[in-house]
Amino acid sequence: MTERCPWAVDTDGTRIYRDYHDHEWGRPLHGRDALFERLCLEAFQSGLSWITILRKREAFRTAFAGFDPAVVAEFGAADVARLLADTGIVRNRAKIAAVVTNARTVLGLDGTDLDTLLWSFAPPRRARRFTRVDEVPAITPESTAMAAELKRRGFRFVGPTTAYALMQATGMVDDHLASCCVEPPP
């Protein structure tokens, strides 16, 4: 296997997509803050290209205090104004408000934590990887259930497609193609 998944092509001379594909996407990720970051970035990506988010990732981390939910949950009107003026991030009032709301929701999870909650929706591992891009789903019953539960708990900007993208990004599912050079997780 020597090729990468077809989407992992950098057309701008950087290795952003390639490095993300090779070292992060589809690898199991755990931890409240790391998963909160991915949840937020997937929400910001909604309606945009993923490369846009990857290029702004460090600015997002700075703007949102390293995606520490305890800090972000304290953001108020002045912070929202600061974020709306920050050209390094995607300046969308609804998405910024969702991040603050979601941070508060993470801190208020009753009877569970973000890691356990999200990973509870991970489906059983597939027997084989898909061979073609058109086999990879955009939503699944598990991502639909995850989105419904997150919404029920008060999370915003997380629909079934965003939930599935989160599942792909954090290794809850392995959607690297069979021909991909990235080895399946153990």
N, C-alpha and C. Protein backbone atom coordinates (compact mmCIF):
# COMPACT_ATOMS: atom_id res chain seq x y z
N MET A 1 0.85 -1.18 0.00
CA MET A 1 0.00 0.00 0.00
C MET A 1 0.89 1.23 0.00
N THR A 2 0.77 2.03 -1.04
CA THR A 2 1.62 3.21 -1.14
C THR A 2 0.82 4.49 -1.34
N GLU A 3 -0.45 4.39 -1.57
CA GLU A 3 -1.21 5.61 -1.80
C GLU A 3 -1.95 6.06 -0.56
N ARG A 4 -2.42 7.27 -0.61
CA ARG A 4 -3.23 7.83 0.47
C ARG A 4 -4.67 7.92 0.00
N CYS A 5 -5.55 8.15 0.94
CA CYS A 5 -6.94 8.39 0.58
C CYS A 5 -6.97 9.60 -0.36
N PRO A 6 -7.85 9.58 -1.36
CA PRO A 6 -7.83 10.63 -2.39
C PRO A 6 -7.98 12.06 -1.89
N TRP A 7 -8.63 12.26 -0.75
CA TRP A 7 -8.83 13.62 -0.25
C TRP A 7 -7.57 14.21 0.36
N ALA A 8 -6.58 13.38 0.65
CA ALA A 8 -5.38 13.83 1.37
C ALA A 8 -4.31 14.39 0.45
N VAL A 9 -4.73 15.25 -0.46
CA VAL A 9 -3.82 15.84 -1.43
C VAL A 9 -3.71 17.33 -1.16
N ASP A 10 -2.48 17.79 -0.98
CA ASP A 10 -2.25 19.21 -0.77
C ASP A 10 -1.98 19.86 -2.12
N THR A 11 -2.85 20.76 -2.52
CA THR A 11 -2.68 21.44 -3.81
C THR A 11 -1.95 22.77 -3.66
N ASP A 12 -1.64 23.13 -2.43
CA ASP A 12 -1.03 24.44 -2.20
C ASP A 12 0.45 24.37 -1.83
N GLY A 13 1.06 23.19 -2.00
CA GLY A 13 2.48 23.06 -1.71
C GLY A 13 2.80 22.79 -0.25
N THR A 14 1.77 22.75 0.60
CA THR A 14 1.99 22.44 2.01
C THR A 14 1.80 20.94 2.22
N ARG A 15 1.96 20.50 3.44
CA ARG A 15 1.69 19.10 3.78
C ARG A 15 0.60 19.01 4.84
N ILE A 16 -0.25 20.02 4.89
CA ILE A 16 -1.27 20.08 5.94
C ILE A 16 -2.21 18.88 5.85
N TYR A 17 -2.82 18.68 4.69
CA TYR A 17 -3.74 17.55 4.52
C TYR A 17 -3.01 16.22 4.71
N ARG A 18 -1.86 16.10 4.08
CA ARG A 18 -1.10 14.85 4.14
C ARG A 18 -0.74 14.51 5.59
N ASP A 19 -0.21 15.46 6.32
CA ASP A 19 0.17 15.21 7.70
C ASP A 19 -1.04 14.89 8.57
N TYR A 20 -2.13 15.62 8.37
CA TYR A 20 -3.35 15.36 9.12
C TYR A 20 -3.84 13.94 8.83
N HIS A 21 -3.88 13.58 7.57
CA HIS A 21 -4.31 12.25 7.16
C HIS A 21 -3.41 11.16 7.74
N ASP A 22 -2.12 11.35 7.63
CA ASP A 22 -1.16 10.31 8.02
C ASP A 22 -1.03 10.15 9.54
N HIS A 23 -1.20 11.24 10.29
CA HIS A 23 -0.88 11.19 11.72
C HIS A 23 -2.05 11.40 12.67
N GLU A 24 -3.19 11.87 12.16
CA GLU A 24 -4.31 12.15 13.07
C GLU A 24 -5.62 11.49 12.66
N TRP A 25 -6.05 11.73 11.44
CA TRP A 25 -7.39 11.31 11.00
C TRP A 25 -7.54 9.79 11.10
N GLY A 26 -8.55 9.37 11.80
CA GLY A 26 -8.83 7.95 11.92
C GLY A 26 -8.07 7.26 13.05
N ARG A 27 -7.26 8.00 13.77
CA ARG A 27 -6.52 7.41 14.90
C ARG A 27 -7.34 7.65 16.17
N PRO A 28 -7.48 6.63 16.99
CA PRO A 28 -8.27 6.79 18.22
C PRO A 28 -7.77 7.95 19.08
N LEU A 29 -8.69 8.80 19.46
CA LEU A 29 -8.39 9.99 20.26
C LEU A 29 -9.26 9.97 21.51
N HIS A 30 -8.65 10.20 22.64
CA HIS A 30 -9.37 10.24 23.91
C HIS A 30 -8.96 11.48 24.68
N GLY A 31 -9.75 11.82 25.68
CA GLY A 31 -9.46 12.97 26.54
C GLY A 31 -10.46 14.09 26.30
N ARG A 32 -10.94 14.64 27.39
CA ARG A 32 -11.97 15.68 27.31
C ARG A 32 -11.58 16.83 26.41
N ASP A 33 -10.42 17.45 26.67
CA ASP A 33 -10.05 18.65 25.93
C ASP A 33 -9.77 18.35 24.47
N ALA A 34 -9.12 17.24 24.18
CA ALA A 34 -8.82 16.87 22.78
C ALA A 34 -10.11 16.60 22.02
N LEU A 35 -11.05 15.90 22.64
CA LEU A 35 -12.32 15.63 21.96
C LEU A 35 -13.17 16.89 21.85
N PHE A 36 -13.11 17.75 22.86
CA PHE A 36 -13.84 19.02 22.78
C PHE A 36 -13.31 19.85 21.61
N GLU A 37 -11.98 19.90 21.46
CA GLU A 37 -11.41 20.63 20.33
C GLU A 37 -11.95 20.10 19.01
N ARG A 38 -11.90 18.79 18.83
CA ARG A 38 -12.37 18.21 17.57
C ARG A 38 -13.85 18.47 17.34
N LEU A 39 -14.64 18.39 18.40
CA LEU A 39 -16.07 18.68 18.29
C LEU A 39 -16.28 20.12 17.82
N CYS A 40 -15.52 21.04 18.40
CA CYS A 40 -15.62 22.46 18.02
C CYS A 40 -15.16 22.68 16.58
N LEU A 41 -14.04 22.10 16.21
CA LEU A 41 -13.52 22.30 14.86
C LEU A 41 -14.47 21.71 13.82
N GLU A 42 -15.06 20.57 14.11
CA GLU A 42 -16.03 19.99 13.17
C GLU A 42 -17.24 20.92 13.02
N ALA A 43 -17.66 21.54 14.10
CA ALA A 43 -18.78 22.50 14.02
C ALA A 43 -18.39 23.71 13.18
N PHE A 44 -17.18 24.22 13.38
CA PHE A 44 -16.73 25.36 12.57
C PHE A 44 -16.61 24.97 11.10
N GLN A 45 -16.30 23.73 10.82
CA GLN A 45 -16.13 23.28 9.43
C GLN A 45 -17.46 23.25 8.68
N SER A 46 -18.56 23.11 9.37
CA SER A 46 -19.86 22.99 8.74
C SER A 46 -20.05 24.08 7.68
N GLY A 47 -20.23 23.65 6.44
CA GLY A 47 -20.41 24.57 5.32
C GLY A 47 -19.12 25.07 4.70
N LEU A 48 -17.99 24.68 5.25
CA LEU A 48 -16.69 25.13 4.74
C LEU A 48 -15.83 23.91 4.38
N SER A 49 -14.67 24.17 3.81
CA SER A 49 -13.76 23.07 3.51
C SER A 49 -12.90 22.79 4.75
N TRP A 50 -12.53 21.53 4.91
CA TRP A 50 -11.72 21.15 6.06
C TRP A 50 -10.36 21.81 6.03
N ILE A 51 -9.81 22.04 4.84
CA ILE A 51 -8.49 22.68 4.74
C ILE A 51 -8.53 24.08 5.37
N THR A 52 -9.65 24.77 5.24
CA THR A 52 -9.80 26.10 5.85
C THR A 52 -9.61 26.00 7.36
N ILE A 53 -10.23 25.00 7.96
CA ILE A 53 -10.15 24.81 9.40
C ILE A 53 -8.73 24.40 9.80
N LEU A 54 -8.13 23.49 9.06
CA LEU A 54 -6.77 23.06 9.39
C LEU A 54 -5.78 24.23 9.32
N ARG A 55 -5.94 25.09 8.34
CA ARG A 55 -5.04 26.25 8.22
C ARG A 55 -5.20 27.22 9.39
N LYS A 56 -6.37 27.26 9.98
CA LYS A 56 -6.66 28.19 11.07
C LYS A 56 -6.59 27.51 12.45
N ARG A 57 -6.18 26.27 12.48
CA ARG A 57 -6.25 25.48 13.70
C ARG A 57 -5.48 26.11 14.87
N GLU A 58 -4.29 26.55 14.65
CA GLU A 58 -3.51 27.15 15.74
C GLU A 58 -4.15 28.44 16.23
N ALA A 59 -4.71 29.21 15.32
CA ALA A 59 -5.41 30.43 15.72
C ALA A 59 -6.65 30.09 16.54
N PHE A 60 -7.36 29.03 16.15
CA PHE A 60 -8.51 28.57 16.95
C PHE A 60 -8.06 28.19 18.35
N ARG A 61 -6.95 27.46 18.43
CA ARG A 61 -6.46 27.02 19.74
C ARG A 61 -6.13 28.21 20.63
N THR A 62 -5.51 29.22 20.05
CA THR A 62 -5.18 30.42 20.82
C THR A 62 -6.45 31.16 21.22
N ALA A 63 -7.35 31.35 20.27
CA ALA A 63 -8.57 32.12 20.51
C ALA A 63 -9.47 31.47 21.56
N PHE A 64 -9.48 30.14 21.59
CA PHE A 64 -10.36 29.41 22.50
C PHE A 64 -9.59 28.73 23.64
N ALA A 65 -8.52 29.36 24.10
CA ALA A 65 -7.79 28.94 25.30
C ALA A 65 -7.43 27.47 25.28
N GLY A 66 -6.93 27.01 24.14
CA GLY A 66 -6.53 25.61 24.03
C GLY A 66 -7.70 24.65 24.11
N PHE A 67 -8.89 25.16 23.90
CA PHE A 67 -10.13 24.37 23.98
C PHE A 67 -10.30 23.72 25.34
N ASP A 68 -9.93 24.46 26.37
CA ASP A 68 -10.17 24.02 27.74
C ASP A 68 -11.61 24.42 28.07
N PRO A 69 -12.51 23.44 28.21
CA PRO A 69 -13.91 23.77 28.45
C PRO A 69 -14.13 24.64 29.69
N ALA A 70 -13.32 24.46 30.72
CA ALA A 70 -13.49 25.25 31.94
C ALA A 70 -13.22 26.73 31.69
N VAL A 71 -12.31 27.04 30.80
CA VAL A 71 -12.01 28.44 30.47
C VAL A 71 -13.05 28.98 29.50
N VAL A 72 -13.34 28.21 28.45
CA VAL A 72 -14.28 28.66 27.41
C VAL A 72 -15.69 28.86 28.00
N ALA A 73 -16.06 28.05 28.96
CA ALA A 73 -17.39 28.17 29.57
C ALA A 73 -17.58 29.52 30.25
N GLU A 74 -16.48 30.18 30.60
CA GLU A 74 -16.55 31.48 31.25
C GLU A 74 -16.58 32.66 30.27
N PHE A 75 -16.46 32.37 28.97
CA PHE A 75 -16.47 33.44 27.98
C PHE A 75 -17.79 34.20 28.04
N GLY A 76 -17.69 35.51 27.94
CA GLY A 76 -18.86 36.37 27.95
C GLY A 76 -18.92 37.22 26.69
N ALA A 77 -19.70 38.28 26.75
CA ALA A 77 -19.93 39.15 25.59
C ALA A 77 -18.63 39.75 25.06
N ALA A 78 -17.73 40.16 25.95
CA ALA A 78 -16.45 40.75 25.50
C ALA A 78 -15.61 39.73 24.75
N ASP A 79 -15.65 38.48 25.21
CA ASP A 79 -14.91 37.42 24.51
C ASP A 79 -15.51 37.15 23.14
N VAL A 80 -16.82 37.14 23.06
CA VAL A 80 -17.48 36.92 21.76
C VAL A 80 -17.11 38.05 20.81
N ALA A 81 -17.11 39.28 21.29
CA ALA A 81 -16.71 40.42 20.45
C ALA A 81 -15.27 40.27 19.99
N ARG A 82 -14.40 39.85 20.90
CA ARG A 82 -12.98 39.62 20.56
C ARG A 82 -12.87 38.55 19.47
N LEU A 83 -13.62 37.47 19.61
CA LEU A 83 -13.56 36.38 18.64
C LEU A 83 -14.12 36.80 17.28
N LEU A 84 -15.17 37.60 17.30
CA LEU A 84 -15.75 38.08 16.04
C LEU A 84 -14.80 39.01 15.30
N ALA A 85 -13.86 39.61 16.00
CA ALA A 85 -12.88 40.50 15.38
C ALA A 85 -11.58 39.77 15.00
N ASP A 86 -11.45 38.52 15.38
CA ASP A 86 -10.23 37.75 15.17
C ASP A 86 -10.20 37.17 13.75
N THR A 87 -9.39 37.76 12.87
CA THR A 87 -9.33 37.32 11.48
C THR A 87 -8.63 35.97 11.32
N GLY A 88 -8.03 35.46 12.37
CA GLY A 88 -7.35 34.17 12.30
C GLY A 88 -8.29 32.98 12.38
N ILE A 89 -9.55 33.22 12.78
CA ILE A 89 -10.52 32.13 12.91
C ILE A 89 -11.71 32.39 11.99
N VAL A 90 -12.61 31.45 11.95
CA VAL A 90 -13.88 31.63 11.24
C VAL A 90 -14.77 32.47 12.16
N ARG A 91 -15.17 33.63 11.66
CA ARG A 91 -15.93 34.56 12.49
C ARG A 91 -17.42 34.43 12.22
N ASN A 92 -18.00 33.45 12.85
CA ASN A 92 -19.42 33.17 12.70
C ASN A 92 -20.03 33.19 14.10
N ARG A 93 -20.91 34.16 14.32
CA ARG A 93 -21.46 34.36 15.67
C ARG A 93 -22.15 33.09 16.19
N ALA A 94 -22.92 32.42 15.37
CA ALA A 94 -23.64 31.22 15.83
C ALA A 94 -22.67 30.10 16.21
N LYS A 95 -21.62 29.94 15.45
CA LYS A 95 -20.64 28.88 15.75
C LYS A 95 -19.83 29.23 16.99
N ILE A 96 -19.48 30.49 17.16
CA ILE A 96 -18.76 30.92 18.36
C ILE A 96 -19.64 30.70 19.59
N ALA A 97 -20.90 31.10 19.50
CA ALA A 97 -21.83 30.91 20.62
C ALA A 97 -22.00 29.42 20.93
N ALA A 98 -22.01 28.59 19.89
CA ALA A 98 -22.14 27.14 20.10
C ALA A 98 -20.95 26.59 20.87
N VAL A 99 -19.76 27.08 20.58
CA VAL A 99 -18.57 26.60 21.30
C VAL A 99 -18.69 26.93 22.79
N VAL A 100 -19.13 28.13 23.10
CA VAL A 100 -19.28 28.52 24.50
C VAL A 100 -20.36 27.68 25.17
N THR A 101 -21.49 27.53 24.51
CA THR A 101 -22.57 26.69 25.04
C THR A 101 -22.09 25.26 25.22
N ASN A 102 -21.38 24.73 24.24
CA ASN A 102 -20.91 23.35 24.32
C ASN A 102 -19.90 23.16 25.44
N ALA A 103 -19.07 24.16 25.70
CA ALA A 103 -18.12 24.08 26.82
C ALA A 103 -18.90 23.97 28.13
N ARG A 104 -19.92 24.79 28.28
CA ARG A 104 -20.74 24.73 29.49
C ARG A 104 -21.44 23.38 29.61
N THR A 105 -21.87 22.85 28.49
CA THR A 105 -22.54 21.56 28.48
C THR A 105 -21.57 20.44 28.86
N VAL A 106 -20.34 20.51 28.36
CA VAL A 106 -19.32 19.52 28.72
C VAL A 106 -19.13 19.50 30.23
N LEU A 107 -19.05 20.68 30.83
CA LEU A 107 -18.83 20.76 32.28
C LEU A 107 -20.03 20.27 33.08
N GLY A 108 -21.21 20.32 32.47
CA GLY A 108 -22.43 19.93 33.17
C GLY A 108 -22.93 18.54 32.83
N LEU A 109 -22.13 17.75 32.13
CA LEU A 109 -22.58 16.40 31.79
C LEU A 109 -22.91 15.64 33.07
N ASP A 110 -24.08 15.08 33.10
CA ASP A 110 -24.55 14.40 34.30
C ASP A 110 -24.33 12.90 34.17
N GLY A 111 -23.53 12.36 35.05
CA GLY A 111 -23.35 10.92 35.09
C GLY A 111 -22.35 10.35 34.10
N THR A 112 -21.68 11.21 33.35
CA THR A 112 -20.69 10.72 32.38
C THR A 112 -19.69 11.83 32.11
N ASP A 113 -18.75 11.55 31.25
CA ASP A 113 -17.80 12.57 30.79
C ASP A 113 -17.82 12.55 29.27
N LEU A 114 -17.25 13.56 28.65
CA LEU A 114 -17.32 13.70 27.20
C LEU A 114 -16.72 12.50 26.48
N ASP A 115 -15.58 12.03 26.94
CA ASP A 115 -14.91 10.89 26.31
C ASP A 115 -15.83 9.66 26.31
N THR A 116 -16.35 9.31 27.47
CA THR A 116 -17.23 8.14 27.58
C THR A 116 -18.48 8.32 26.74
N LEU A 117 -19.06 9.51 26.80
CA LEU A 117 -20.29 9.78 26.04
C LEU A 117 -20.06 9.60 24.55
N LEU A 118 -19.05 10.27 24.00
CA LEU A 118 -18.82 10.18 22.56
C LEU A 118 -18.47 8.77 22.12
N TRP A 119 -17.57 8.14 22.83
CA TRP A 119 -17.12 6.80 22.43
C TRP A 119 -18.21 5.75 22.62
N SER A 120 -19.24 6.04 23.38
CA SER A 120 -20.33 5.07 23.54
C SER A 120 -21.08 4.85 22.22
N PHE A 121 -20.90 5.74 21.27
CA PHE A 121 -21.56 5.63 19.97
C PHE A 121 -20.68 4.98 18.90
N ALA A 122 -19.45 4.65 19.24
CA ALA A 122 -18.56 4.03 18.26
C ALA A 122 -19.10 2.67 17.87
N PRO A 123 -19.26 2.46 16.57
CA PRO A 123 -19.78 1.16 16.12
C PRO A 123 -18.70 0.09 16.22
N PRO A 124 -19.10 -1.18 16.11
CA PRO A 124 -18.08 -2.23 16.05
C PRO A 124 -17.16 -2.00 14.84
N ARG A 125 -15.94 -2.41 14.99
CA ARG A 125 -14.97 -2.24 13.90
C ARG A 125 -15.40 -3.05 12.67
N ARG A 126 -15.29 -2.42 11.51
CA ARG A 126 -15.65 -3.12 10.26
C ARG A 126 -14.65 -4.24 10.00
N ALA A 127 -15.13 -5.27 9.34
CA ALA A 127 -14.27 -6.42 9.01
C ALA A 127 -13.23 -6.03 7.96
N ARG A 128 -13.58 -5.06 7.13
CA ARG A 128 -12.65 -4.61 6.09
C ARG A 128 -12.86 -3.14 5.82
N ARG A 129 -11.82 -2.52 5.29
CA ARG A 129 -11.93 -1.11 4.89
C ARG A 129 -12.69 -1.03 3.56
N PHE A 130 -13.28 0.12 3.33
CA PHE A 130 -13.93 0.37 2.05
C PHE A 130 -12.87 0.42 0.94
N THR A 131 -13.26 0.08 -0.27
CA THR A 131 -12.31 0.11 -1.39
C THR A 131 -12.48 1.36 -2.24
N ARG A 132 -13.65 1.99 -2.17
CA ARG A 132 -13.92 3.18 -2.98
C ARG A 132 -14.49 4.30 -2.11
N VAL A 133 -14.18 5.53 -2.48
CA VAL A 133 -14.66 6.70 -1.74
C VAL A 133 -16.18 6.72 -1.69
N ASP A 134 -16.85 6.31 -2.76
CA ASP A 134 -18.31 6.38 -2.77
C ASP A 134 -18.97 5.35 -1.84
N GLU A 135 -18.18 4.49 -1.22
CA GLU A 135 -18.71 3.56 -0.22
C GLU A 135 -18.75 4.20 1.18
N VAL A 136 -17.97 5.23 1.38
CA VAL A 136 -17.86 5.86 2.69
C VAL A 136 -19.13 6.68 2.95
N PRO A 137 -19.82 6.38 4.05
CA PRO A 137 -21.06 7.11 4.33
C PRO A 137 -20.80 8.52 4.84
N ALA A 138 -21.81 9.36 4.74
CA ALA A 138 -21.76 10.70 5.32
C ALA A 138 -22.43 10.71 6.69
N ILE A 139 -23.38 9.81 6.87
CA ILE A 139 -24.05 9.63 8.16
C ILE A 139 -24.30 8.14 8.36
N THR A 140 -24.45 7.77 9.60
CA THR A 140 -24.75 6.38 9.95
C THR A 140 -25.79 6.39 11.06
N PRO A 141 -26.37 5.25 11.36
CA PRO A 141 -27.29 5.21 12.50
C PRO A 141 -26.60 5.66 13.80
N GLU A 142 -25.32 5.31 13.95
CA GLU A 142 -24.59 5.71 15.15
C GLU A 142 -24.38 7.21 15.21
N SER A 143 -24.03 7.84 14.07
CA SER A 143 -23.82 9.29 14.09
C SER A 143 -25.15 10.03 14.29
N THR A 144 -26.22 9.46 13.78
CA THR A 144 -27.54 10.05 13.99
C THR A 144 -27.92 9.98 15.46
N ALA A 145 -27.64 8.82 16.09
CA ALA A 145 -27.93 8.66 17.52
C ALA A 145 -27.04 9.58 18.35
N MET A 146 -25.76 9.70 17.99
CA MET A 146 -24.85 10.59 18.72
C MET A 146 -25.35 12.02 18.65
N ALA A 147 -25.70 12.48 17.46
CA ALA A 147 -26.17 13.86 17.30
C ALA A 147 -27.43 14.10 18.11
N ALA A 148 -28.35 13.15 18.09
CA ALA A 148 -29.59 13.30 18.85
C ALA A 148 -29.31 13.39 20.35
N GLU A 149 -28.40 12.55 20.85
CA GLU A 149 -28.09 12.57 22.28
C GLU A 149 -27.36 13.85 22.67
N LEU A 150 -26.44 14.29 21.82
CA LEU A 150 -25.73 15.54 22.11
C LEU A 150 -26.71 16.71 22.14
N LYS A 151 -27.62 16.76 21.18
CA LYS A 151 -28.63 17.83 21.17
C LYS A 151 -29.52 17.75 22.41
N ARG A 152 -29.91 16.54 22.77
CA ARG A 152 -30.75 16.35 23.95
C ARG A 152 -30.06 16.90 25.20
N ARG A 153 -28.75 16.78 25.26
CA ARG A 153 -28.00 17.24 26.41
C ARG A 153 -27.67 18.73 26.34
N GLY A 154 -27.98 19.38 25.21
CA GLY A 154 -27.78 20.82 25.10
C GLY A 154 -26.67 21.26 24.16
N PHE A 155 -25.98 20.32 23.52
CA PHE A 155 -24.94 20.69 22.55
C PHE A 155 -25.58 21.31 21.32
N ARG A 156 -24.84 22.22 20.69
CA ARG A 156 -25.32 22.89 19.49
C ARG A 156 -24.34 22.66 18.35
N PHE A 157 -24.85 22.80 17.13
CA PHE A 157 -24.06 22.66 15.90
C PHE A 157 -23.47 21.26 15.73
N VAL A 158 -24.24 20.26 16.11
CA VAL A 158 -23.79 18.88 15.93
C VAL A 158 -24.94 18.06 15.36
N GLY A 159 -24.99 17.97 14.02
CA GLY A 159 -25.96 17.12 13.36
C GLY A 159 -25.32 15.78 13.03
N PRO A 160 -26.06 14.90 12.39
CA PRO A 160 -25.54 13.57 12.06
C PRO A 160 -24.30 13.58 11.17
N THR A 161 -24.22 14.51 10.23
CA THR A 161 -23.04 14.57 9.36
C THR A 161 -21.82 15.05 10.14
N THR A 162 -22.00 16.07 10.94
CA THR A 162 -20.90 16.56 11.78
C THR A 162 -20.47 15.49 12.77
N ALA A 163 -21.43 14.78 13.34
CA ALA A 163 -21.11 13.70 14.27
C ALA A 163 -20.31 12.60 13.57
N TYR A 164 -20.68 12.27 12.32
CA TYR A 164 -19.92 11.24 11.62
C TYR A 164 -18.51 11.72 11.29
N ALA A 165 -18.38 12.97 10.90
CA ALA A 165 -17.04 13.51 10.64
C ALA A 165 -16.19 13.45 11.91
N LEU A 166 -16.81 13.72 13.06
CA LEU A 166 -16.11 13.60 14.34
C LEU A 166 -15.68 12.16 14.58
N MET A 167 -16.57 11.23 14.27
CA MET A 167 -16.25 9.81 14.45
C MET A 167 -15.06 9.40 13.56
N GLN A 168 -15.04 9.91 12.34
CA GLN A 168 -13.92 9.62 11.44
C GLN A 168 -12.63 10.24 11.97
N ALA A 169 -12.70 11.50 12.36
CA ALA A 169 -11.51 12.23 12.78
C ALA A 169 -10.88 11.65 14.04
N THR A 170 -11.70 11.10 14.92
CA THR A 170 -11.21 10.63 16.21
C THR A 170 -11.05 9.12 16.29
N GLY A 171 -11.14 8.45 15.16
CA GLY A 171 -10.88 7.02 15.12
C GLY A 171 -11.99 6.14 15.65
N MET A 172 -13.17 6.69 15.84
CA MET A 172 -14.29 5.84 16.24
C MET A 172 -14.68 4.92 15.10
N VAL A 173 -14.40 5.37 13.88
CA VAL A 173 -14.52 4.55 12.68
C VAL A 173 -13.22 4.71 11.89
N ASP A 174 -12.90 3.71 11.10
CA ASP A 174 -11.71 3.76 10.26
C ASP A 174 -12.18 3.83 8.81
N ASP A 175 -12.17 5.02 8.24
CA ASP A 175 -12.61 5.21 6.86
C ASP A 175 -11.46 5.44 5.90
N HIS A 176 -10.23 5.08 6.30
CA HIS A 176 -9.15 5.03 5.31
C HIS A 176 -9.52 3.92 4.33
N LEU A 177 -9.23 4.13 3.07
CA LEU A 177 -9.54 3.11 2.07
C LEU A 177 -8.59 1.93 2.19
N ALA A 178 -9.00 0.80 1.63
CA ALA A 178 -8.18 -0.42 1.68
C ALA A 178 -6.81 -0.21 1.06
N SER A 179 -6.72 0.66 0.06
CA SER A 179 -5.45 0.91 -0.63
C SER A 179 -4.57 1.93 0.08
N CYS A 180 -5.06 2.51 1.19
CA CYS A 180 -4.35 3.57 1.88
C CYS A 180 -3.11 3.04 2.59
N CYS A 181 -2.07 3.86 2.61
CA CYS A 181 -0.81 3.49 3.25
C CYS A 181 -0.85 3.56 4.76
N VAL A 182 -1.88 4.19 5.34
CA VAL A 182 -1.99 4.27 6.80
C VAL A 182 -2.51 2.93 7.31
N GLU A 183 -1.76 2.38 8.24
CA GLU A 183 -2.12 1.07 8.80
C GLU A 183 -3.37 1.19 9.69
N PRO A 184 -4.22 0.17 9.67
CA PRO A 184 -5.38 0.19 10.56
C PRO A 184 -4.94 0.20 12.02
N PRO A 185 -5.75 0.82 12.88
CA PRO A 185 -5.40 0.80 14.32
C PRO A 185 -5.47 -0.64 14.84
N PRO A 186 -4.69 -0.91 15.89
CA PRO A 186 -4.71 -2.29 16.44
C PRO A 186 -6.04 -2.68 17.04
